[in-house]
Amino acid sequence: MKKLLLSLAMVATMGISVGANAVVAIDDGSSADAIAIAGEYTIPAGGLITNSTTNQLDLSTELGFGTAQNVSRAIRIDWTNATVNGEHTFEVDSSDCTMGTPVTGVTPSVGGSGDSFLIFEFDNTCGEDLPQEAGIFVRVGSLNVSAFPVTVQYRLFENSFAATDPDNNPAGSTESDTVLTSSDALEFAASADSGTEQIDVTQDSTFFNGGTGDDTTPFGNATLDLASPAPFIPSGGDLVQLTSVSQVVDDSDSDLTVTGEFGAAANLGCNGSASSTAASILDGADAVFPASATDDATFNGNETYSCFFEADGTTIIEETTFSLTANLAGQTGFNASVFGPFTLSEFDKNGSSAMVNVLLNSSLFVNTVRILNKSSIAGDVSITIYNDGGDSVTFPLSVVNPFGRNDIITSSNLGAGEATPAMRVSDLITAARTVDSGFGQTSALKNKYRIVVDAEFGSAANPVRVQVTVVSNGWGVDIDNIN
């Protein structure tokens, strides 16, 4: 089957030439010649796309039915989601019409501007019979597009009368294809960073485990780029191929929103440059970064974002999983795009934790705590105590003096299978005051505490256990509610 394709060089923005098929071959059934229009593009009123000199809207196919000399035939072309405009002509391929008068420059006998169809009636003046494989061309002036995709149907009829009533007159040949389709111009991806470090419980969970005082770790990466191959947009009535993200995205009104726990952050960043700065907005659990802050000198294409977290070195870094959403505002004539949320890295500890939510420091009874190492390895232990006012202090196990004795616990290290002696809540408060002398209950009504125990016991399942005992008048009740 003869394929009638032409080539063209379309001049895109920035003066860059790109290749595309100039003619839609509607007899190959593949839709491969259809031109993809950016999905973010907003069709304006009228939606005019002209053919100009590039002929990207022209059609080619085979006649589809043998036609003897001096016999008339009519062809009908129907478009969906578009109406025609301007001048249109029909012709038979000159290589199939060599003996007589060429069939060329035939204008529509029915249909024209504002219609979604054209009918061309022609006489076979070629001086020879036309085979069904004879090539034909339809030169299209312009289309007013209302939506995508724009499809086309070719039908061959005995005469124009039959072509005007196609529902009641069978066509001798029928072919269909897609002229214009829609495809997203933007591609956005984000993922965890393989180099994300763990929260170091041996440094009171205020640093990362890359070494002493390690306060910074990456936690995610993202990229924004044009699809390949890039789709086209109407420009001045012609179709030009996109060459830059900035043609579609208004970076001045776009942002990346990262969700997570940032309470211990001194600085945050989500760009690739060494001069990364904190989020322009830090609102609750969301950090919002300008999309223009990329590793490129200008916002143009293949934008790369590298997110990092810098701890303040004093606040406990909470375990959390970060996620990222890109909110991209469109340039004039383009729709906004939202990508995500994408899951980034997770902050976890390089040990294990246990929590007790209610501890009382009462004169009526004694509330004690024991910490147990259920694993087969030794590790350091630290304790964070919180009052009802939200104040907290972190301290190593070694500073706790059970019942006022400093010779019972001499190290923060708890051996495999080992447990601490019973420690009163008042002992923990006293230990906290070695770090913060003002720590205590906030009022008579807010007299409860909670603790988090962090242990460097590796990754064994639930290796740290906290046993809480309430003793009153010689009677003890164990409350084994943790791990």
Foldseek 3Di string as FASTA:
>chain_A
DDFDWDKFWDQFPPRDTDIAILEAEQAPPPLPRAFAAAPQFFQDVQNKAFSPPSNLQKYKYFQQAKAFAFAKKKKKKFKPQKFAADWKWKFWPCVQQPQFDGGTRFGFPDGYGPHRMTMTMDTRGSNGMGHRRTMMMMRGGIIRGRDPFMKMKMFMGRGVVCVVVVVPGPTSDMTMHTHYHYDHFKDKDKAADPFFFAQEVVLVQQATDPDPPHFKGWWMKMKMFTDVVAGWHRDPNHIHGDDWPVQWFDQVPKKKKKFKDQPQFPFKAWEDDPPGTHAPDDDVRIGIHRPQRYPDPGRIGGTMIIIMTGGPSADRDDWMKMWMKIWTCTDVRGHIDIDDRDTYGTHHYQFDKKKDDWAFDDPQWWKWKKKWFQAQAKWFKKKWKAFPVGDIAIDTPQLQAAVNHNPQRHGRMAGHGGMGPIHTPVSVQVSRCVVPVPDAYPDPVRGIMMMMMTINRGDPPCRMFMWMWIGGPRDIDIDRDMD
